[in-house]
C-alpha atoms as a PDB file:
ATOM      1  CA  MET A   1       9.101 -15.236  14.457  1.00  0.00           C
ATOM      2  CA  SER A   2      10.620 -12.311  16.344  1.00  0.00           C
ATOM      3  CA  ASN A   3       8.806  -9.048  16.890  1.00  0.00           C
ATOM      4  CA  PHE A   4      11.171  -7.330  14.464  1.00  0.00           C
ATOM      5  CA  GLU A   5      10.661  -9.957  11.765  1.00  0.00           C
ATOM      6  CA  ARG A   6       6.898  -9.728  12.172  1.00  0.00           C
ATOM      7  CA  GLY A   7       7.113  -5.964  12.040  1.00  0.00           C
ATOM      8  CA  MET A   8       9.116  -6.047   8.831  1.00  0.00           C
ATOM      9  CA  GLU A   9       6.470  -8.270   7.277  1.00  0.00           C
ATOM     10  CA  LEU A  10       3.818  -5.746   8.236  1.00  0.00           C
ATOM     11  CA  LEU A  11       5.714  -2.872   6.625  1.00  0.00           C
ATOM     12  CA  GLN A  12       5.396  -4.467   3.208  1.00  0.00           C
ATOM     13  CA  ASP A  13       1.710  -3.975   2.510  1.00  0.00           C
ATOM     14  CA  SER A  14      -0.234  -3.216   5.683  1.00  0.00           C
ATOM     15  CA  ASP A  15      -2.739  -0.383   5.828  1.00  0.00           C
ATOM     16  CA  ILE A  16      -2.997   1.802   8.917  1.00  0.00           C
ATOM     17  CA  ALA A  17      -6.118   0.130  10.294  1.00  0.00           C
ATOM     18  CA  SER A  18      -4.724  -3.400  10.141  1.00  0.00           C
ATOM     19  CA  PHE A  19      -1.375  -2.228  11.473  1.00  0.00           C
ATOM     20  CA  GLU A  20      -3.124  -0.620  14.452  1.00  0.00           C
ATOM     21  CA  ARG A  21      -5.041  -3.831  15.180  1.00  0.00           C
ATOM     22  CA  ILE A  22      -1.911  -5.983  15.136  1.00  0.00           C
ATOM     23  CA  LEU A  23      -0.001  -3.579  17.376  1.00  0.00           C
ATOM     24  CA  ALA A  24      -2.892  -3.603  19.836  1.00  0.00           C
ATOM     25  CA  ASP A  25      -2.575  -7.385  20.065  1.00  0.00           C
ATOM     26  CA  ARG A  26       1.213  -7.456  20.010  1.00  0.00           C
ATOM     27  CA  PRO A  27       2.494  -4.067  21.305  1.00  0.00           C
ATOM     28  CA  ALA A  28       6.106  -5.248  21.622  1.00  0.00           C
ATOM     29  CA  ILE A  29       6.399  -4.982  17.840  1.00  0.00           C
ATOM     30  CA  ALA A  30       6.462  -1.183  18.188  1.00  0.00           C
ATOM     31  CA  GLU A  31       9.627  -1.405  20.301  1.00  0.00           C
ATOM     32  CA  ALA A  32      11.446  -3.820  17.989  1.00  0.00           C
ATOM     33  CA  SER A  33      14.882  -3.159  16.465  1.00  0.00           C
ATOM     34  CA  ASP A  34      17.205  -5.045  14.157  1.00  0.00           C
ATOM     35  CA  ALA A  35      20.449  -6.644  15.306  1.00  0.00           C
ATOM     36  CA  SER A  36      22.358  -3.359  14.970  1.00  0.00           C
ATOM     37  CA  GLY A  37      19.806  -1.447  17.023  1.00  0.00           C
ATOM     38  CA  VAL A  38      18.012   0.345  14.177  1.00  0.00           C
ATOM     39  CA  SER A  39      14.364   0.509  15.150  1.00  0.00           C
ATOM     40  CA  LEU A  40      11.412  -0.782  13.199  1.00  0.00           C
ATOM     41  CA  LEU A  41      10.172   2.811  13.045  1.00  0.00           C
ATOM     42  CA  MET A  42      13.340   3.858  11.190  1.00  0.00           C
ATOM     43  CA  HIS A  43      12.943   0.913   8.832  1.00  0.00           C
ATOM     44  CA  ALA A  44       9.425   2.144   8.105  1.00  0.00           C
ATOM     45  CA  LEU A  45      10.796   5.561   7.159  1.00  0.00           C
ATOM     46  CA  TYR A  46      13.498   4.015   4.991  1.00  0.00           C
ATOM     47  CA  ARG A  47      10.746   2.147   3.134  1.00  0.00           C
ATOM     48  CA  ARG A  48       8.717   5.325   2.606  1.00  0.00           C
ATOM     49  CA  ARG A  49       6.029   4.180   5.018  1.00  0.00           C
ATOM     50  CA  ALA A  50       5.786   7.381   7.028  1.00  0.00           C
ATOM     51  CA  ASP A  51       2.151   6.539   7.703  1.00  0.00           C
ATOM     52  CA  LEU A  52       3.156   3.401   9.580  1.00  0.00           C
ATOM     53  CA  ALA A  53       6.110   5.147  11.221  1.00  0.00           C
ATOM     54  CA  HIS A  54       3.675   7.576  12.859  1.00  0.00           C
ATOM     55  CA  VAL A  55       1.535   4.667  14.049  1.00  0.00           C
ATOM     56  CA  LEU A  56       4.617   3.058  15.571  1.00  0.00           C
ATOM     57  CA  ALA A  57       5.557   6.345  17.216  1.00  0.00           C
ATOM     58  CA  ALA A  58       2.170   6.510  18.895  1.00  0.00           C
ATOM     59  CA  HIS A  59       2.641   3.002  20.312  1.00  0.00           C
ATOM     60  CA  LYS A  60       6.237   3.363  21.516  1.00  0.00           C
ATOM     61  CA  THR A  61       7.034   4.105  25.130  1.00  0.00           C
ATOM     62  CA  ALA A  62       9.376   6.911  24.045  1.00  0.00           C
ATOM     63  CA  LEU A  63      11.064   7.974  20.826  1.00  0.00           C
ATOM     64  CA  ASP A  64      14.857   8.009  20.750  1.00  0.00           C
ATOM     65  CA  VAL A  65      16.908  10.909  19.387  1.00  0.00           C
ATOM     66  CA  PHE A  66      17.078   9.461  15.869  1.00  0.00           C
ATOM     67  CA  GLU A  67      13.344   8.805  15.653  1.00  0.00           C
ATOM     68  CA  SER A  68      12.509  12.218  17.109  1.00  0.00           C
ATOM     69  CA  ALA A  69      14.714  13.998  14.583  1.00  0.00           C
ATOM     70  CA  SER A  70      13.375  11.944  11.685  1.00  0.00           C
ATOM     71  CA  LEU A  71       9.744  12.669  12.555  1.00  0.00           C
ATOM     72  CA  GLY A  72      10.281  16.286  13.560  1.00  0.00           C
ATOM     73  CA  LYS A  73       9.028  15.702  17.108  1.00  0.00           C
ATOM     74  CA  LEU A  74      10.707  18.771  18.554  1.00  0.00           C
ATOM     75  CA  ASP A  75       9.470  18.480  22.136  1.00  0.00           C
ATOM     76  CA  ARG A  76      10.751  14.931  22.434  1.00  0.00           C
ATOM     77  CA  LEU A  77      13.950  15.828  20.577  1.00  0.00           C
ATOM     78  CA  SER A  78      14.598  18.603  23.093  1.00  0.00           C
ATOM     79  CA  GLU A  79      14.178  16.103  25.913  1.00  0.00           C
ATOM     80  CA  CYS A  80      16.635  13.720  24.297  1.00  0.00           C
ATOM     81  CA  LEU A  81      19.186  16.500  23.807  1.00  0.00           C
ATOM     82  CA  GLN A  82      19.314  17.216  27.522  1.00  0.00           C
ATOM     83  CA  ASP A  83      21.906  14.438  27.441  1.00  0.00           C
ATOM     84  CA  PRO A  84      24.789  16.139  25.560  1.00  0.00           C
ATOM     85  CA  THR A  85      26.481  12.814  24.851  1.00  0.00           C
ATOM     86  CA  ILE A  86      23.841  11.862  22.284  1.00  0.00           C
ATOM     87  CA  ILE A  87      23.863  15.057  20.211  1.00  0.00           C
ATOM     88  CA  ASN A  88      26.456  13.599  17.838  1.00  0.00           C
ATOM     89  CA  ALA A  89      25.818   9.946  18.616  1.00  0.00           C
ATOM     90  CA  GLN A  90      25.600   7.604  15.649  1.00  0.00           C
ATOM     91  CA  SER A  91      22.827   5.137  14.993  1.00  0.00           C
ATOM     92  CA  GLY A  92      23.329   1.450  14.384  1.00  0.00           C
ATOM     93  CA  ASP A  93      23.711   2.171  10.685  1.00  0.00           C
ATOM     94  CA  GLY A  94      26.125   5.041  11.232  1.00  0.00           C
ATOM     95  CA  PHE A  95      24.093   8.246  10.959  1.00  0.00           C
ATOM     96  CA  THR A  96      23.639  11.101  13.410  1.00  0.00           C
ATOM     97  CA  ALA A  97      20.295  12.641  14.281  1.00  0.00           C
ATOM     98  CA  LEU A  98      21.252  15.591  12.074  1.00  0.00           C
ATOM     99  CA  HIS A  99      21.703  13.297   9.073  1.00  0.00           C
ATOM    100  CA  TYR A 100      18.197  11.968   9.659  1.00  0.00           C
ATOM    101  CA  ALA A 101      16.602  15.387  10.115  1.00  0.00           C
ATOM    102  CA  CYS A 102      18.115  16.489   6.816  1.00  0.00           C
ATOM    103  CA  TYR A 103      17.216  13.337   4.922  1.00  0.00           C
ATOM    104  CA  PHE A 104      13.650  13.009   6.169  1.00  0.00           C
ATOM    105  CA  GLY A 105      12.652  16.617   5.575  1.00  0.00           C
ATOM    106  CA  GLN A 106      12.759  18.073   9.080  1.00  0.00           C
ATOM    107  CA  PRO A 107      14.527  21.471   8.865  1.00  0.00           C
ATOM    108  CA  ASP A 108      13.238  22.624  12.267  1.00  0.00           C
ATOM    109  CA  ALA A 109      14.775  19.546  13.859  1.00  0.00           C
ATOM    110  CA  ALA A 110      18.014  20.251  11.982  1.00  0.00           C
ATOM    111  CA  ARG A 111      18.055  23.801  13.305  1.00  0.00           C
ATOM    112  CA  LEU A 112      17.463  22.640  16.872  1.00  0.00           C
ATOM    113  CA  LEU A 113      20.232  20.061  16.623  1.00  0.00           C
ATOM    114  CA  LEU A 114      22.694  22.631  15.317  1.00  0.00           C
ATOM    115  CA  GLU A 115      21.734  25.061  18.075  1.00  0.00           C
ATOM    116  CA  LYS A 116      22.508  22.333  20.609  1.00  0.00           C
ATOM    117  CA  GLY A 117      25.931  21.650  19.129  1.00  0.00           C
ATOM    118  CA  ALA A 118      25.412  19.002  16.457  1.00  0.00           C
ATOM    119  CA  ALA A 119      28.358  18.736  14.066  1.00  0.00           C
ATOM    120  CA  SER A 120      27.318  20.165  10.705  1.00  0.00           C
ATOM    121  CA  GLU A 121      29.954  18.071   8.936  1.00  0.00           C
ATOM    122  CA  ALA A 122      29.614  14.798  10.834  1.00  0.00           C
ATOM    123  CA  VAL A 123      30.689  11.899   8.605  1.00  0.00           C
ATOM    124  CA  ALA A 124      28.466   8.830   8.630  1.00  0.00           C
ATOM    125  CA  ALA A 125      30.195   5.751  10.026  1.00  0.00           C
ATOM    126  CA  ASN A 126      29.347   3.557   7.064  1.00  0.00           C
ATOM    127  CA  PRO A 127      30.606   3.083   3.492  1.00  0.00           C
ATOM    128  CA  MET A 128      28.525   6.018   2.206  1.00  0.00           C
ATOM    129  CA  ARG A 129      30.568   8.504   4.300  1.00  0.00           C
ATOM    130  CA  VAL A 130      27.909  11.170   3.817  1.00  0.00           C
ATOM    131  CA  MET A 131      27.685  14.425   5.753  1.00  0.00           C
ATOM    132  CA  PRO A 132      24.336  16.024   6.619  1.00  0.00           C
ATOM    133  CA  LEU A 133      24.496  18.328   3.574  1.00  0.00           C
ATOM    134  CA  HIS A 134      24.752  15.281   1.325  1.00  0.00           C
ATOM    135  CA  SER A 135      21.657  13.911   3.041  1.00  0.00           C
ATOM    136  CA  ALA A 136      19.773  17.163   2.477  1.00  0.00           C
ATOM    137  CA  ALA A 137      20.820  17.365  -1.176  1.00  0.00           C
ATOM    138  CA  SER A 138      19.897  13.760  -1.846  1.00  0.00           C
ATOM    139  CA  ALA A 139      16.458  14.280  -0.305  1.00  0.00           C
ATOM    140  CA  ARG A 140      15.879  17.658  -2.027  1.00  0.00           C
ATOM    141  CA  ASN A 141      15.570  19.276   1.407  1.00  0.00           C
ATOM    142  CA  VAL A 142      16.445  22.855   0.449  1.00  0.00           C
ATOM    143  CA  ALA A 143      15.385  24.320   3.800  1.00  0.00           C
ATOM    144  CA  ALA A 144      17.707  22.039   5.747  1.00  0.00           C
ATOM    145  CA  ALA A 145      20.530  22.594   3.262  1.00  0.00           C
ATOM    146  CA  ARG A 146      20.216  26.346   3.732  1.00  0.00           C
ATOM    147  CA  ILE A 147      20.387  25.965   7.514  1.00  0.00           C
ATOM    148  CA  LEU A 148      23.498  23.797   7.229  1.00  0.00           C
ATOM    149  CA  LEU A 149      25.256  26.161   4.842  1.00  0.00           C
ATOM    150  CA  GLU A 150      24.495  29.143   7.051  1.00  0.00           C
ATOM    151  CA  ALA A 151      25.954  27.146   9.948  1.00  0.00           C
ATOM    152  CA  GLY A 152      29.214  26.742   8.044  1.00  0.00           C
ATOM    153  CA  ALA A 153      28.867  23.391   6.276  1.00  0.00           C
ATOM    154  CA  SER A 154      31.103  23.184   3.214  1.00  0.00           C
ATOM    155  CA  PRO A 155      29.220  23.086  -0.107  1.00  0.00           C
ATOM    156  CA  ASN A 156      32.113  21.119  -1.606  1.00  0.00           C
ATOM    157  CA  SER A 157      32.308  18.321   0.954  1.00  0.00           C
ATOM    158  CA  ARG A 158      32.883  14.862  -0.513  1.00  0.00           C
ATOM    159  CA  GLN A 159      31.242  11.554   0.279  1.00  0.00           C
ATOM    160  CA  HIS A 160      32.073   8.091  -1.041  1.00  0.00           C
ATOM    161  CA  GLY A 161      32.930   8.230  -4.720  1.00  0.00           C
ATOM    162  CA  GLY A 162      33.949  11.874  -4.515  1.00  0.00           C
ATOM    163  CA  TRP A 163      30.363  13.054  -4.770  1.00  0.00           C
ATOM    164  CA  SER A 164      29.557  16.557  -3.592  1.00  0.00           C
ATOM    165  CA  PRO A 165      26.093  17.861  -2.699  1.00  0.00           C
ATOM    166  CA  LEU A 166      26.072  19.686  -6.051  1.00  0.00           C
ATOM    167  CA  HIS A 167      26.581  16.413  -7.913  1.00  0.00           C
ATOM    168  CA  ALA A 168      23.491  14.971  -6.219  1.00  0.00           C
ATOM    169  CA  ALA A 169      21.423  18.091  -6.858  1.00  0.00           C
ATOM    170  CA  ALA A 170      22.447  18.116 -10.527  1.00  0.00           C
ATOM    171  CA  GLN A 171      21.600  14.465 -11.003  1.00  0.00           C
ATOM    172  CA  ASN A 172      18.229  15.028  -9.311  1.00  0.00           C
ATOM    173  CA  GLY A 173      17.461  17.970 -11.574  1.00  0.00           C
ATOM    174  CA  ASP A 174      16.954  20.070  -8.445  1.00  0.00           C
ATOM    175  CA  ARG A 175      17.386  23.660  -9.683  1.00  0.00           C
ATOM    176  CA  ALA A 176      16.572  25.241  -6.307  1.00  0.00           C
ATOM    177  CA  MET A 177      19.227  23.149  -4.548  1.00  0.00           C
ATOM    178  CA  VAL A 178      21.755  23.811  -7.296  1.00  0.00           C
ATOM    179  CA  GLU A 179      21.254  27.568  -7.052  1.00  0.00           C
ATOM    180  CA  LEU A 180      21.521  27.498  -3.256  1.00  0.00           C
ATOM    181  CA  LEU A 181      24.765  25.517  -3.345  1.00  0.00           C
ATOM    182  CA  LEU A 182      26.265  27.748  -6.011  1.00  0.00           C
ATOM    183  CA  ARG A 183      25.458  30.870  -3.984  1.00  0.00           C
ATOM    184  CA  HIS A 184      27.424  29.355  -1.133  1.00  0.00           C
ATOM    185  CA  GLY A 185      30.466  28.547  -3.253  1.00  0.00           C
ATOM    186  CA  ALA A 186      29.872  25.079  -4.692  1.00  0.00           C
ATOM    187  CA  ASP A 187      32.259  24.315  -7.561  1.00  0.00           C
ATOM    188  CA  PRO A 188      30.411  23.184 -10.719  1.00  0.00           C
ATOM    189  CA  ALA A 189      33.680  22.163 -12.366  1.00  0.00           C
ATOM    190  CA  ALA A 190      34.716  19.730  -9.623  1.00  0.00           C
ATOM    191  CA  PRO A 191      34.609  16.110 -10.832  1.00  0.00           C
ATOM    192  CA  ASN A 192      33.631  13.085  -8.811  1.00  0.00           C
ATOM    193  CA  ASP A 193      35.932  10.074  -8.662  1.00  0.00           C
ATOM    194  CA  ASP A 194      34.646   8.948 -12.067  1.00  0.00           C
ATOM    195  CA  GLY A 195      35.673  12.271 -13.551  1.00  0.00           C
ATOM    196  CA  LYS A 196      32.117  13.560 -14.043  1.00  0.00           C
ATOM    197  CA  THR A 197      31.139  17.119 -13.211  1.00  0.00           C
ATOM    198  CA  ALA A 198      27.762  18.469 -12.141  1.00  0.00           C
ATOM    199  CA  PRO A 199      26.831  19.654 -15.666  1.00  0.00           C
ATOM    200  CA  GLU A 200      27.629  16.218 -17.067  1.00  0.00           C
ATOM    201  CA  LEU A 201      25.624  14.434 -14.374  1.00  0.00           C
ATOM    202  CA  ALA A 202      22.622  16.674 -15.001  1.00  0.00           C
ATOM    203  CA  ARG A 203      22.700  15.966 -18.744  1.00  0.00           C
ATOM    204  CA  GLU A 204      23.113  12.217 -18.210  1.00  0.00           C
ATOM    205  CA  LYS A 205      19.782  12.206 -16.379  1.00  0.00           C
ATOM    206  CA  GLY A 206      18.047  14.243 -19.052  1.00  0.00           C
ATOM    207  CA  HIS A 207      18.212  17.604 -17.269  1.00  0.00           C
ATOM    208  CA  GLN A 208      19.581  19.423 -20.296  1.00  0.00           C
ATOM    209  CA  GLU A 209      18.527  22.928 -19.266  1.00  0.00           C
ATOM    210  CA  LEU A 210      20.046  22.513 -15.822  1.00  0.00           C
ATOM    211  CA  GLY A 211      23.211  21.109 -17.361  1.00  0.00           C
ATOM    212  CA  SER A 212      23.512  24.177 -19.580  1.00  0.00           C
ATOM    213  CA  TYR A 213      22.897  26.453 -16.598  1.00  0.00           C
ATOM    214  CA  LEU A 214      25.632  24.704 -14.602  1.00  0.00           C
ATOM    215  CA  GLU A 215      27.983  24.869 -17.562  1.00  0.00           C
ATOM    216  CA  GLY A 216      27.422  28.603 -17.650  1.00  0.00           C
ATOM    217  CA  GLN A 217      28.430  28.855 -13.997  1.00  0.00           C
ATOM    218  CA  THR A 218      31.713  27.025 -14.590  1.00  0.00           C
ATOM    219  CA  PRO A 219      34.761  29.321 -14.572  1.00  0.00           C
ATOM    220  CA  ARG A 220      36.495  29.478 -17.947  1.00  0.00           C
ATOM    221  CA  GLN A 221      40.164  28.555 -18.083  1.00  0.00           C
END
């Protein structure tokens, strides 16, 4: 069994203490990545095991730009960004460091990346085709969304399926995100590729009050 395969097994149900013991015996697990180069640490974050991701971080020789952004390790992120070629580099699964900072709740990392020249509207090189603002909206990361919008990101950008950040916020029932996006010009009447608008998506998920609020923000013909 490879180090990555063993690591993935451990992410399923390990507690921190047992994970620490296994890494002490087999430290190469901390450096493992899948065939596309996505690290075990990132897989831990994808699986909502931030506790184990931090253990892995402590055992790695050095975090890469994607891991640093995802964990909000600003000192290490600054070191990584001394190489300007990686600021907008894409991970093995197609995301930039800015996507990760926005998705994993790291607004300070998002701000640093933008200050260093990260593209606020970078499109993920995968079927999702998300931009960082989509990542922030999906993750309910209002702070990062505000930073992106103030940096010029479009509130009406579209990902796969014609979804805008407002569609995601409406479906999530995220009033704070909805209000932020509307203040920056998001269009509540814009449909996705299935013809559904933000008010409709909110109501479908049981967010009736938010749906009514969005309906009230829709320009009348």
